[in-house]
C-alpha atoms as a PDB file:
ATOM      1  CA  GLU A   1     -31.717   5.781   3.338  1.00  0.00           C
ATOM      2  CA  GLU A   2     -29.985   2.843   5.018  1.00  0.00           C
ATOM      3  CA  LEU A   3     -31.535   0.924   7.890  1.00  0.00           C
ATOM      4  CA  THR A   4     -29.014  -1.877   8.033  1.00  0.00           C
ATOM      5  CA  GLY A   5     -29.382  -2.540  11.730  1.00  0.00           C
ATOM      6  CA  THR A   6     -26.095  -1.054  12.854  1.00  0.00           C
ATOM      7  CA  ARG A   7     -26.156  -0.207  16.520  1.00  0.00           C
ATOM      8  CA  SER A   8     -25.472   3.295  17.841  1.00  0.00           C
ATOM      9  CA  ARG A   9     -24.316   4.238  21.325  1.00  0.00           C
ATOM     10  CA  THR A  10     -27.689   5.819  22.028  1.00  0.00           C
ATOM     11  CA  ASP A  11     -29.511   2.589  21.223  1.00  0.00           C
ATOM     12  CA  LYS A  12     -27.205   0.506  23.383  1.00  0.00           C
ATOM     13  CA  MET A  13     -28.103   2.843  26.245  1.00  0.00           C
ATOM     14  CA  ALA A  14     -31.758   2.353  25.399  1.00  0.00           C
ATOM     15  CA  ASP A  15     -31.244  -1.413  25.571  1.00  0.00           C
ATOM     16  CA  GLN A  16     -29.842  -1.128  29.047  1.00  0.00           C
ATOM     17  CA  GLY A  17     -32.456   1.243  30.369  1.00  0.00           C
ATOM     18  CA  HIS A  18     -35.630   0.664  28.423  1.00  0.00           C
ATOM     19  CA  SER A  19     -35.854  -2.441  26.271  1.00  0.00           C
ATOM     20  CA  HIS A  20     -34.286  -5.705  25.229  1.00  0.00           C
ATOM     21  CA  GLY A  21     -33.879  -4.966  21.526  1.00  0.00           C
ATOM     22  CA  GLY A  22     -33.302  -1.266  21.055  1.00  0.00           C
ATOM     23  CA  GLU A  23     -31.336  -1.636  17.836  1.00  0.00           C
ATOM     24  CA  ALA A  24     -30.602   1.419  15.710  1.00  0.00           C
ATOM     25  CA  CYS A  25     -30.278   2.645  12.159  1.00  0.00           C
ATOM     26  CA  SER A  26     -26.844   2.844  10.601  1.00  0.00           C
ATOM     27  CA  GLY A  27     -26.190   6.343  11.812  1.00  0.00           C
ATOM     28  CA  HIS A  28     -27.200   8.635   8.947  1.00  0.00           C
ATOM     29  CA  GLY A  29     -28.914  11.223  11.103  1.00  0.00           C
ATOM     30  CA  HIS A  30     -32.290   9.546  11.588  1.00  0.00           C
ATOM     31  CA  ASP A  31     -34.413  10.591  14.531  1.00  0.00           C
ATOM     32  CA  HIS A  32     -34.771   7.390  16.531  1.00  0.00           C
ATOM     33  CA  GLY A  33     -37.477   8.869  18.683  1.00  0.00           C
ATOM     34  CA  HIS A  34     -36.090   7.726  22.012  1.00  0.00           C
ATOM     35  CA  SER A  35     -37.268  10.831  23.827  1.00  0.00           C
ATOM     36  CA  HIS A  36     -40.686  11.221  22.253  1.00  0.00           C
ATOM     37  CA  GLY A  37     -43.312   9.603  24.391  1.00  0.00           C
ATOM     38  CA  ALA A  38     -43.784   6.068  25.681  1.00  0.00           C
ATOM     39  CA  PRO A  39     -42.666   3.036  23.680  1.00  0.00           C
ATOM     40  CA  ASP A  40     -45.272   1.329  21.516  1.00  0.00           C
ATOM     41  CA  LYS A  41     -46.601  -2.043  22.586  1.00  0.00           C
ATOM     42  CA  ALA A  42     -44.666  -4.877  20.965  1.00  0.00           C
ATOM     43  CA  GLU A  43     -46.463  -6.809  18.219  1.00  0.00           C
ATOM     44  CA  GLU A  44     -46.928 -10.535  18.714  1.00  0.00           C
ATOM     45  CA  LEU A  45     -44.621 -12.643  16.576  1.00  0.00           C
ATOM     46  CA  THR A  46     -46.428 -15.345  14.637  1.00  0.00           C
ATOM     47  CA  ASP A  47     -45.789 -17.637  11.696  1.00  0.00           C
ATOM     48  CA  TYR A  48     -49.183 -16.573  10.351  1.00  0.00           C
ATOM     49  CA  ASP A  49     -50.924 -19.912  10.245  1.00  0.00           C
ATOM     50  CA  GLY A  50     -48.168 -22.171   9.063  1.00  0.00           C
ATOM     51  CA  GLU A  51     -46.323 -20.233   6.386  1.00  0.00           C
ATOM     52  CA  GLY A  52     -43.365 -22.560   6.793  1.00  0.00           C
ATOM     53  CA  PHE A  53     -41.447 -20.676   9.452  1.00  0.00           C
ATOM     54  CA  VAL A  54     -39.494 -22.484  12.151  1.00  0.00           C
ATOM     55  CA  GLU A  55     -38.074 -21.130  15.364  1.00  0.00           C
ATOM     56  CA  VAL A  56     -34.363 -20.347  15.317  1.00  0.00           C
ATOM     57  CA  PRO A  57     -32.847 -22.381  18.183  1.00  0.00           C
ATOM     58  CA  GLY A  58     -31.980 -20.446  21.287  1.00  0.00           C
ATOM     59  CA  THR A  59     -34.240 -17.492  20.571  1.00  0.00           C
ATOM     60  CA  ASP A  60     -37.207 -18.546  22.725  1.00  0.00           C
ATOM     61  CA  GLY A  61     -39.620 -17.882  19.871  1.00  0.00           C
ATOM     62  CA  GLY A  62     -38.309 -14.374  19.253  1.00  0.00           C
ATOM     63  CA  LEU A  63     -36.866 -15.210  15.831  1.00  0.00           C
ATOM     64  CA  LEU A  64     -38.403 -17.341  13.081  1.00  0.00           C
ATOM     65  CA  LYS A  65     -36.859 -18.495   9.823  1.00  0.00           C
ATOM     66  CA  LYS A  66     -38.234 -19.678   6.487  1.00  0.00           C
ATOM     67  CA  ILE A  67     -35.856 -21.007   3.829  1.00  0.00           C
ATOM     68  CA  LEU A  68     -36.630 -19.806   0.306  1.00  0.00           C
ATOM     69  CA  THR A  69     -33.578 -21.235  -1.475  1.00  0.00           C
ATOM     70  CA  GLU A  70     -31.480 -24.016   0.009  1.00  0.00           C
ATOM     71  CA  GLY A  71     -27.769 -23.310   0.414  1.00  0.00           C
ATOM     72  CA  SER A  72     -24.869 -25.611  -0.415  1.00  0.00           C
ATOM     73  CA  GLY A  73     -22.636 -27.655   1.864  1.00  0.00           C
ATOM     74  CA  ASP A  74     -22.891 -28.057   5.606  1.00  0.00           C
ATOM     75  CA  GLU A  75     -20.834 -25.121   6.853  1.00  0.00           C
ATOM     76  CA  THR A  76     -22.296 -21.925   8.270  1.00  0.00           C
ATOM     77  CA  PRO A  77     -20.636 -18.691   9.455  1.00  0.00           C
ATOM     78  CA  ILE A  78     -19.415 -18.462  13.027  1.00  0.00           C
ATOM     79  CA  LYS A  79     -19.306 -15.535  15.398  1.00  0.00           C
ATOM     80  CA  GLY A  80     -16.747 -12.975  14.270  1.00  0.00           C
ATOM     81  CA  ASN A  81     -16.769 -13.944  10.585  1.00  0.00           C
ATOM     82  CA  MET A  82     -17.231 -11.239   7.981  1.00  0.00           C
ATOM     83  CA  VAL A  83     -20.308 -12.012   5.878  1.00  0.00           C
ATOM     84  CA  SER A  84     -21.552 -10.687   2.537  1.00  0.00           C
ATOM     85  CA  VAL A  85     -25.327 -10.509   2.100  1.00  0.00           C
ATOM     86  CA  HIS A  86     -28.187  -8.870   0.276  1.00  0.00           C
ATOM     87  CA  TYR A  87     -31.349  -8.116   2.213  1.00  0.00           C
ATOM     88  CA  VAL A  88     -34.802  -6.603   1.883  1.00  0.00           C
ATOM     89  CA  GLY A  89     -36.478  -5.392   5.075  1.00  0.00           C
ATOM     90  CA  THR A  90     -40.272  -5.150   5.373  1.00  0.00           C
ATOM     91  CA  LEU A  91     -42.775  -4.642   8.157  1.00  0.00           C
ATOM     92  CA  THR A  92     -44.362  -8.001   8.915  1.00  0.00           C
ATOM     93  CA  LYS A  93     -47.781  -6.500   9.587  1.00  0.00           C
ATOM     94  CA  THR A  94     -48.119  -4.436   6.401  1.00  0.00           C
ATOM     95  CA  GLY A  95     -45.433  -5.725   4.062  1.00  0.00           C
ATOM     96  CA  ASN A  96     -44.135  -2.184   3.576  1.00  0.00           C
ATOM     97  CA  LYS A  97     -40.456  -2.099   2.609  1.00  0.00           C
ATOM     98  CA  PHE A  98     -38.280   0.134   4.778  1.00  0.00           C
ATOM     99  CA  ASP A  99     -34.822  -0.734   3.464  1.00  0.00           C
ATOM    100  CA  SER A 100     -33.008  -2.870   0.884  1.00  0.00           C
ATOM    101  CA  SER A 101     -29.362  -3.397   0.018  1.00  0.00           C
ATOM    102  CA  ARG A 102     -30.528  -4.374  -3.463  1.00  0.00           C
ATOM    103  CA  ASP A 103     -31.414  -0.732  -4.064  1.00  0.00           C
ATOM    104  CA  ARG A 104     -27.711   0.139  -3.734  1.00  0.00           C
ATOM    105  CA  SER A 105     -24.578  -1.044  -5.485  1.00  0.00           C
ATOM    106  CA  GLY A 106     -22.689  -3.891  -3.886  1.00  0.00           C
ATOM    107  CA  THR A 107     -23.567  -6.290  -1.100  1.00  0.00           C
ATOM    108  CA  PHE A 108     -23.713  -5.444   2.597  1.00  0.00           C
ATOM    109  CA  GLU A 109     -20.764  -6.750   4.642  1.00  0.00           C
ATOM    110  CA  PHE A 110     -20.366  -6.886   8.401  1.00  0.00           C
ATOM    111  CA  SER A 111     -18.967  -8.968  11.254  1.00  0.00           C
ATOM    112  CA  VAL A 112     -21.698 -11.351  12.373  1.00  0.00           C
ATOM    113  CA  GLY A 113     -22.373 -12.133  16.016  1.00  0.00           C
ATOM    114  CA  THR A 114     -20.498  -9.121  17.343  1.00  0.00           C
ATOM    115  CA  GLY A 115     -23.317  -6.630  17.902  1.00  0.00           C
ATOM    116  CA  GLN A 116     -22.757  -4.587  14.754  1.00  0.00           C
ATOM    117  CA  VAL A 117     -26.297  -5.359  13.578  1.00  0.00           C
ATOM    118  CA  ILE A 118     -29.648  -6.204  15.128  1.00  0.00           C
ATOM    119  CA  LYS A 119     -29.987  -9.288  17.290  1.00  0.00           C
ATOM    120  CA  GLY A 120     -32.101 -11.096  14.693  1.00  0.00           C
ATOM    121  CA  TRP A 121     -29.333 -10.922  12.128  1.00  0.00           C
ATOM    122  CA  ASP A 122     -26.631 -11.984  14.578  1.00  0.00           C
ATOM    123  CA  SER A 123     -28.709 -15.001  15.615  1.00  0.00           C
ATOM    124  CA  GLY A 124     -30.191 -15.881  12.229  1.00  0.00           C
ATOM    125  CA  ILE A 125     -27.348 -15.495   9.737  1.00  0.00           C
ATOM    126  CA  VAL A 126     -25.106 -17.942  11.609  1.00  0.00           C
ATOM    127  CA  THR A 127     -27.691 -20.639  10.747  1.00  0.00           C
ATOM    128  CA  MET A 128     -27.413 -20.012   6.982  1.00  0.00           C
ATOM    129  CA  LYS A 129     -25.407 -21.937   4.397  1.00  0.00           C
ATOM    130  CA  LYS A 130     -23.585 -20.472   1.412  1.00  0.00           C
ATOM    131  CA  GLY A 131     -26.043 -19.389  -1.270  1.00  0.00           C
ATOM    132  CA  GLU A 132     -29.047 -19.740   1.015  1.00  0.00           C
ATOM    133  CA  LYS A 133     -31.907 -17.272   0.812  1.00  0.00           C
ATOM    134  CA  CYS A 134     -34.366 -17.080   3.674  1.00  0.00           C
ATOM    135  CA  ILE A 135     -36.756 -14.828   5.546  1.00  0.00           C
ATOM    136  CA  LEU A 136     -35.822 -13.932   9.109  1.00  0.00           C
ATOM    137  CA  ARG A 137     -38.939 -12.866  11.001  1.00  0.00           C
ATOM    138  CA  CYS A 138     -37.847 -10.806  13.990  1.00  0.00           C
ATOM    139  CA  SER A 139     -39.819  -9.898  17.069  1.00  0.00           C
ATOM    140  CA  ALA A 140     -39.211  -6.421  18.437  1.00  0.00           C
ATOM    141  CA  GLU A 141     -36.674  -7.892  20.852  1.00  0.00           C
ATOM    142  CA  TYR A 142     -34.692  -9.217  17.897  1.00  0.00           C
ATOM    143  CA  GLY A 143     -35.328  -6.143  15.746  1.00  0.00           C
ATOM    144  CA  TYR A 144     -35.478  -2.486  16.711  1.00  0.00           C
ATOM    145  CA  GLY A 145     -37.020  -2.833  20.154  1.00  0.00           C
ATOM    146  CA  LYS A 146     -40.068  -1.258  21.716  1.00  0.00           C
ATOM    147  CA  ARG A 147     -39.116   2.191  20.474  1.00  0.00           C
ATOM    148  CA  GLY A 148     -38.506   1.202  16.855  1.00  0.00           C
ATOM    149  CA  SER A 149     -36.667   3.441  14.423  1.00  0.00           C
ATOM    150  CA  PRO A 150     -39.076   6.215  13.389  1.00  0.00           C
ATOM    151  CA  PRO A 151     -40.353   7.216  10.981  1.00  0.00           C
ATOM    152  CA  LYS A 152     -40.104   3.980   8.991  1.00  0.00           C
ATOM    153  CA  ILE A 153     -40.158   1.368  11.754  1.00  0.00           C
ATOM    154  CA  PRO A 154     -42.824   1.776  14.462  1.00  0.00           C
ATOM    155  CA  GLY A 155     -42.037   0.911  18.033  1.00  0.00           C
ATOM    156  CA  GLY A 156     -42.570  -2.756  18.883  1.00  0.00           C
ATOM    157  CA  ALA A 157     -42.808  -3.791  15.209  1.00  0.00           C
ATOM    158  CA  CYS A 158     -42.159  -7.310  13.962  1.00  0.00           C
ATOM    159  CA  LEU A 159     -39.915  -7.303  10.906  1.00  0.00           C
ATOM    160  CA  ASP A 160     -39.256  -9.595   7.952  1.00  0.00           C
ATOM    161  CA  PHE A 161     -35.806  -9.636   6.391  1.00  0.00           C
ATOM    162  CA  GLU A 162     -35.292 -11.538   3.167  1.00  0.00           C
ATOM    163  CA  VAL A 163     -31.578 -12.353   3.389  1.00  0.00           C
ATOM    164  CA  GLU A 164     -29.308 -13.982   0.823  1.00  0.00           C
ATOM    165  CA  LEU A 165     -25.884 -15.121   2.041  1.00  0.00           C
ATOM    166  CA  PHE A 166     -23.137 -15.053  -0.583  1.00  0.00           C
ATOM    167  CA  LYS A 167     -19.959 -15.768   1.338  1.00  0.00           C
ATOM    168  CA  TRP A 168     -18.142 -15.365   4.605  1.00  0.00           C
ATOM    169  CA  TRP A 169     -14.537 -15.208   5.710  1.00  0.00           C
ATOM    170  CA  GLU A 170     -12.461 -14.878   8.831  1.00  0.00           C
ATOM    171  CA  LYS A 171     -11.992 -11.278   9.848  1.00  0.00           C
ATOM    172  CA  GLU A 172      -8.365 -10.238  10.008  1.00  0.00           C
ATOM    173  CA  LYS A 173      -7.094  -9.040  13.339  1.00  0.00           C
ATOM    174  CA  GLU A 174      -6.501  -5.350  13.771  1.00  0.00           C
ATOM    175  CA  LEU A 175      -2.841  -4.414  13.389  1.00  0.00           C
ATOM    176  CA  TRP A 176      -2.497  -3.599  17.073  1.00  0.00           C
ATOM    177  CA  GLU A 177      -3.824  -7.045  17.991  1.00  0.00           C
ATOM    178  CA  MET A 178      -1.111  -8.955  16.109  1.00  0.00           C
ATOM    179  CA  GLU A 179       2.197 -10.328  17.308  1.00  0.00           C
ATOM    180  CA  ASP A 180       5.199  -9.492  15.116  1.00  0.00           C
ATOM    181  CA  SER A 181       5.338 -13.072  13.850  1.00  0.00           C
ATOM    182  CA  GLU A 182       1.673 -12.853  12.802  1.00  0.00           C
ATOM    183  CA  LYS A 183       2.307  -9.626  10.899  1.00  0.00           C
ATOM    184  CA  ILE A 184       5.175 -11.250   9.019  1.00  0.00           C
ATOM    185  CA  GLU A 185       3.132 -14.336   8.189  1.00  0.00           C
ATOM    186  CA  LEU A 186       0.204 -12.278   6.910  1.00  0.00           C
ATOM    187  CA  ALA A 187       2.520  -9.992   4.923  1.00  0.00           C
ATOM    188  CA  GLU A 188       3.972 -13.083   3.228  1.00  0.00           C
ATOM    189  CA  LYS A 189       0.452 -14.120   2.249  1.00  0.00           C
ATOM    190  CA  HIS A 190      -0.266 -10.672   0.805  1.00  0.00           C
ATOM    191  CA  LYS A 191       2.985 -10.873  -1.148  1.00  0.00           C
ATOM    192  CA  ALA A 192       2.002 -14.255  -2.607  1.00  0.00           C
ATOM    193  CA  THR A 193      -1.461 -12.922  -3.458  1.00  0.00           C
ATOM    194  CA  GLY A 194       0.099  -9.892  -5.132  1.00  0.00           C
ATOM    195  CA  ASN A 195       2.387 -12.103  -7.183  1.00  0.00           C
ATOM    196  CA  THR A 196      -0.603 -14.137  -8.381  1.00  0.00           C
ATOM    197  CA  PHE A 197      -2.470 -10.996  -9.402  1.00  0.00           C
ATOM    198  CA  PHE A 198       0.639  -9.582 -11.103  1.00  0.00           C
ATOM    199  CA  LYS A 199       1.155 -12.708 -13.207  1.00  0.00           C
ATOM    200  CA  ALA A 200      -2.524 -12.627 -14.181  1.00  0.00           C
ATOM    201  CA  GLY A 201      -2.252  -8.994 -15.263  1.00  0.00           C
ATOM    202  CA  SER A 202      -4.521  -7.717 -12.472  1.00  0.00           C
ATOM    203  CA  LEU A 203      -2.162  -4.893 -11.641  1.00  0.00           C
ATOM    204  CA  GLU A 204      -4.449  -2.786  -9.440  1.00  0.00           C
ATOM    205  CA  ASP A 205      -5.225  -5.835  -7.299  1.00  0.00           C
ATOM    206  CA  ALA A 206      -1.510  -6.606  -7.144  1.00  0.00           C
ATOM    207  CA  VAL A 207      -0.735  -3.087  -5.933  1.00  0.00           C
ATOM    208  CA  GLU A 208      -3.409  -3.388  -3.248  1.00  0.00           C
ATOM    209  CA  ALA A 209      -2.038  -6.719  -2.006  1.00  0.00           C
ATOM    210  CA  TYR A 210       1.571  -5.513  -1.953  1.00  0.00           C
ATOM    211  CA  THR A 211       0.551  -2.340  -0.120  1.00  0.00           C
ATOM    212  CA  LYS A 212      -1.332  -4.297   2.536  1.00  0.00           C
ATOM    213  CA  GLY A 213       1.707  -6.480   3.120  1.00  0.00           C
ATOM    214  CA  TYR A 214       4.087  -3.525   3.226  1.00  0.00           C
ATOM    215  CA  ASP A 215       1.947  -1.669   5.752  1.00  0.00           C
ATOM    216  CA  LEU A 216       2.118  -4.687   8.055  1.00  0.00           C
ATOM    217  CA  VAL A 217       5.922  -4.802   8.278  1.00  0.00           C
ATOM    218  CA  LYS A 218       7.240  -1.315   7.526  1.00  0.00           C
ATOM    219  CA  GLU A 219       7.298  -0.269  11.195  1.00  0.00           C
ATOM    220  CA  MET A 220       9.087  -3.497  12.189  1.00  0.00           C
ATOM    221  CA  ALA A 221      11.837  -3.234   9.586  1.00  0.00           C
ATOM    222  CA  ASP A 222      14.078  -1.160  11.874  1.00  0.00           C
ATOM    223  CA  ASN A 223      13.811  -3.620  14.766  1.00  0.00           C
ATOM    224  CA  ASP A 224      16.672  -5.826  15.913  1.00  0.00           C
ATOM    225  CA  GLY A 225      16.546  -9.612  16.017  1.00  0.00           C
ATOM    226  CA  ASP A 226      15.257 -12.260  13.629  1.00  0.00           C
ATOM    227  CA  ASP A 227      11.789 -10.740  13.237  1.00  0.00           C
ATOM    228  CA  GLY A 228      13.312  -7.361  12.422  1.00  0.00           C
ATOM    229  CA  ALA A 229      15.558  -8.894   9.764  1.00  0.00           C
ATOM    230  CA  LYS A 230      12.644 -10.818   8.237  1.00  0.00           C
ATOM    231  CA  ALA A 231      10.468  -7.699   8.270  1.00  0.00           C
ATOM    232  CA  LYS A 232      13.198  -5.633   6.589  1.00  0.00           C
ATOM    233  CA  ALA A 233      13.712  -8.142   3.763  1.00  0.00           C
ATOM    234  CA  LEU A 234       9.959  -8.449   3.298  1.00  0.00           C
ATOM    235  CA  ALA A 235       9.396  -4.681   3.344  1.00  0.00           C
ATOM    236  CA  VAL A 236      12.030  -4.203   0.643  1.00  0.00           C
ATOM    237  CA  ALA A 237      10.528  -6.956  -1.539  1.00  0.00           C
ATOM    238  CA  LEU A 238       6.968  -5.668  -1.133  1.00  0.00           C
ATOM    239  CA  ALA A 239       7.982  -2.075  -1.847  1.00  0.00           C
ATOM    240  CA  LEU A 240       9.800  -3.099  -5.027  1.00  0.00           C
ATOM    241  CA  ASN A 241       7.033  -5.412  -6.202  1.00  0.00           C
ATOM    242  CA  GLY A 242       4.546  -2.608  -5.660  1.00  0.00           C
ATOM    243  CA  ALA A 243       6.769  -0.224  -7.603  1.00  0.00           C
ATOM    244  CA  GLN A 244       6.981  -2.662 -10.518  1.00  0.00           C
ATOM    245  CA  ALA A 245       3.196  -3.091 -10.634  1.00  0.00           C
ATOM    246  CA  ARG A 246       2.714   0.685 -10.536  1.00  0.00           C
ATOM    247  CA  LEU A 247       5.231   1.158 -13.348  1.00  0.00           C
ATOM    248  CA  LYS A 248       3.286  -1.274 -15.499  1.00  0.00           C
ATOM    249  CA  LEU A 249       0.054   0.532 -14.663  1.00  0.00           C
ATOM    250  CA  GLY A 250       1.691   3.800 -15.634  1.00  0.00           C
ATOM    251  CA  THR A 251      -0.682   5.867 -13.498  1.00  0.00           C
ATOM    252  CA  GLU A 252       1.038   5.883 -10.084  1.00  0.00           C
ATOM    253  CA  LEU A 253       4.580   6.877 -11.038  1.00  0.00           C
ATOM    254  CA  SER A 254       5.204   9.136  -8.040  1.00  0.00           C
ATOM    255  CA  GLU A 255       4.107   6.327  -5.701  1.00  0.00           C
ATOM    256  CA  ALA A 256       6.400   3.917  -7.553  1.00  0.00           C
ATOM    257  CA  ALA A 257       9.363   6.239  -7.051  1.00  0.00           C
ATOM    258  CA  THR A 258       8.499   6.686  -3.367  1.00  0.00           C
ATOM    259  CA  ALA A 259       8.315   2.913  -2.872  1.00  0.00           C
ATOM    260  CA  CYS A 260      11.798   2.551  -4.338  1.00  0.00           C
ATOM    261  CA  THR A 261      13.091   5.307  -2.041  1.00  0.00           C
ATOM    262  CA  ASP A 262      11.598   3.448   0.919  1.00  0.00           C
ATOM    263  CA  ALA A 263      13.386   0.258  -0.119  1.00  0.00           C
ATOM    264  CA  LEU A 264      16.696   2.139  -0.486  1.00  0.00           C
ATOM    265  CA  LYS A 265      16.362   3.353   3.102  1.00  0.00           C
ATOM    266  CA  TRP A 266      16.972  -0.225   4.222  1.00  0.00           C
ATOM    267  CA  ASP A 267      19.128  -1.379   1.300  1.00  0.00           C
ATOM    268  CA  PRO A 268      20.996   1.640  -0.157  1.00  0.00           C
ATOM    269  CA  ASN A 269      22.743  -0.326  -2.922  1.00  0.00           C
ATOM    270  CA  ASN A 270      19.696  -2.238  -4.123  1.00  0.00           C
ATOM    271  CA  VAL A 271      20.055  -2.239  -7.906  1.00  0.00           C
ATOM    272  CA  LYS A 272      16.378  -3.025  -8.534  1.00  0.00           C
ATOM    273  CA  ALA A 273      15.279  -0.097  -6.390  1.00  0.00           C
ATOM    274  CA  LEU A 274      17.626   2.332  -8.173  1.00  0.00           C
ATOM    275  CA  PHE A 275      16.688   1.046 -11.617  1.00  0.00           C
ATOM    276  CA  ARG A 276      12.930   1.132 -11.026  1.00  0.00           C
ATOM    277  CA  ARG A 277      13.127   4.596  -9.505  1.00  0.00           C
ATOM    278  CA  ALA A 278      15.033   5.677 -12.611  1.00  0.00           C
ATOM    279  CA  GLN A 279      12.260   4.223 -14.782  1.00  0.00           C
ATOM    280  CA  ALA A 280       9.640   6.121 -12.795  1.00  0.00           C
ATOM    281  CA  LYS A 281      11.613   9.371 -13.028  1.00  0.00           C
ATOM    282  CA  HIS A 282      12.077   8.821 -16.772  1.00  0.00           C
ATOM    283  CA  LYS A 283       8.323   8.404 -17.260  1.00  0.00           C
ATOM    284  CA  MET A 284       7.779  11.535 -15.157  1.00  0.00           C
ATOM    285  CA  SER A 285      10.203  13.419 -17.446  1.00  0.00           C
ATOM    286  CA  ASP A 286      12.639  13.980 -14.587  1.00  0.00           C
ATOM    287  CA  PHE A 287      15.574  13.060 -16.808  1.00  0.00           C
ATOM    288  CA  ALA A 288      18.326  14.354 -14.520  1.00  0.00           C
ATOM    289  CA  ALA A 289      17.095  12.280 -11.566  1.00  0.00           C
ATOM    290  CA  ALA A 290      16.686   9.222 -13.800  1.00  0.00           C
ATOM    291  CA  THR A 291      20.241   9.592 -15.115  1.00  0.00           C
ATOM    292  CA  ALA A 292      21.611  10.014 -11.583  1.00  0.00           C
ATOM    293  CA  ASP A 293      19.992   6.758 -10.450  1.00  0.00           C
ATOM    294  CA  LEU A 294      21.241   4.894 -13.521  1.00  0.00           C
ATOM    295  CA  ASP A 295      24.764   6.159 -12.864  1.00  0.00           C
ATOM    296  CA  LEU A 296      24.484   4.725  -9.353  1.00  0.00           C
ATOM    297  CA  VAL A 297      23.409   1.374 -10.810  1.00  0.00           C
ATOM    298  CA  LEU A 298      26.386   1.380 -13.184  1.00  0.00           C
ATOM    299  CA  GLY A 299      28.672   2.332 -10.312  1.00  0.00           C
ATOM    300  CA  ILE A 300      27.567  -0.861  -8.563  1.00  0.00           C
ATOM    301  CA  ASP A 301      27.427  -3.009 -11.685  1.00  0.00           C
ATOM    302  CA  ALA A 302      29.327  -1.508 -14.588  1.00  0.00           C
ATOM    303  CA  ASN A 303      28.141  -4.223 -16.970  1.00  0.00           C
ATOM    304  CA  ASN A 304      24.418  -3.832 -16.273  1.00  0.00           C
ATOM    305  CA  VAL A 305      22.973  -3.927 -19.791  1.00  0.00           C
ATOM    306  CA  ASP A 306      19.480  -2.840 -18.730  1.00  0.00           C
ATOM    307  CA  ALA A 307      20.872   0.262 -17.043  1.00  0.00           C
ATOM    308  CA  LYS A 308      23.007   1.143 -20.078  1.00  0.00           C
ATOM    309  CA  ASN A 309      20.035   0.805 -22.419  1.00  0.00           C
ATOM    310  CA  GLU A 310      17.745   2.778 -20.138  1.00  0.00           C
ATOM    311  CA  LYS A 311      20.351   5.538 -19.823  1.00  0.00           C
ATOM    312  CA  SER A 312      20.469   5.784 -23.625  1.00  0.00           C
ATOM    313  CA  ARG A 313      16.686   6.030 -23.790  1.00  0.00           C
ATOM    314  CA  VAL A 314      16.681   8.723 -21.122  1.00  0.00           C
ATOM    315  CA  ALA A 315      19.294  10.710 -23.064  1.00  0.00           C
ATOM    316  CA  VAL A 316      17.185  10.510 -26.243  1.00  0.00           C
ATOM    317  CA  ALA A 317      14.029  11.547 -24.390  1.00  0.00           C
ATOM    318  CA  ALA A 318      15.836  14.436 -22.706  1.00  0.00           C
ATOM    319  CA  ALA A 319      17.153  15.687 -26.046  1.00  0.00           C
ATOM    320  CA  LYS A 320      13.698  15.515 -27.637  1.00  0.00           C
ATOM    321  CA  SER A 321      12.177  17.341 -24.684  1.00  0.00           C
ATOM    322  CA  ALA A 322      14.814  20.079 -24.838  1.00  0.00           C
ATOM    323  CA  LYS A 323      14.293  20.490 -28.587  1.00  0.00           C
ATOM    324  CA  ALA A 324      10.508  20.701 -28.176  1.00  0.00           C
ATOM    325  CA  GLU A 325      10.883  23.233 -25.364  1.00  0.00           C
ATOM    326  CA  LYS A 326      13.249  25.350 -27.479  1.00  0.00           C
ATOM    327  CA  ALA A 327      10.807  25.294 -30.398  1.00  0.00           C
ATOM    328  CA  MET A 328       7.935  26.306 -28.132  1.00  0.00           C
ATOM    329  CA  TYR A 329       9.819  29.271 -26.750  1.00  0.00           C
ATOM    330  CA  GLY A 330      10.883  30.182 -30.280  1.00  0.00           C
ATOM    331  CA  LYS A 331       7.242  30.438 -31.302  1.00  0.00           C
ATOM    332  CA  MET A 332       6.358  32.403 -28.189  1.00  0.00           C
ATOM    333  CA  PHE A 333       9.146  34.965 -28.451  1.00  0.00           C
ATOM    334  CA  GLY A 334      10.420  34.564 -32.001  1.00  0.00           C
END
């Protein structure tokens, strides 16, 4: 059961009408108890006789912090950054654990300072350095509010979150937020990243990077003007690079062929697109389609040695397949 502090619409309404910190669970069907009786009285936040907690600036005593492991460097995340953390949440009063990312695979990632999580996380994590581990002690206002998040978090409860910050990065804009020039620039970066992965043999990562870049520019490739021309050239390159990576993987042959077809839409005589589609069709045992594409390559470049050799291999494979099929039917009906 996840209680990662993600806010629901219901809890935002509760904030407006009933409390300052009505944060919610992450939306897995928990009963938040907003309509069951009066809110509990908020517990008093305390550092419990000098346990080493300090007030987080700007929280008016509503959020305390105790560093367990010092981080490195001087930089900290800023509002809007994506952060990667592990956390363990306990009730301050009893020490009972109510949630932990360490009980699940992978770290927890979210955009800090944007209201996706409880107020204590938004205010506390932006004070942390890379590698730092700390305890964020949240008053109800900075946690789940006067109404809590039943059954695990009582109304008005103070909470302790042991948080470890691994990394953060700038969140990419949504596609609809970008100018065409920004899409092209980011697609170029994805292409470069894909090339790095490809050279290192990380083919699945390469495919992912090429696909991200292609998705950024594919809709722009039919536009007029300089940006349209740049997007078209980039879309063709990304589609073909993705096809090559998929061919090497050998597990996404249909997608490789489709990528080549997409590239041919913008560049009908692209030899690489025809040749790689022929390779994909060959591996898929579609020998007629492979031969047709290779004939197109040789029609454009009659001296293309790779196409001649591939056509010979396709012919051999087709003959073997036909022989095997004939033998199979001979056994079945002979």
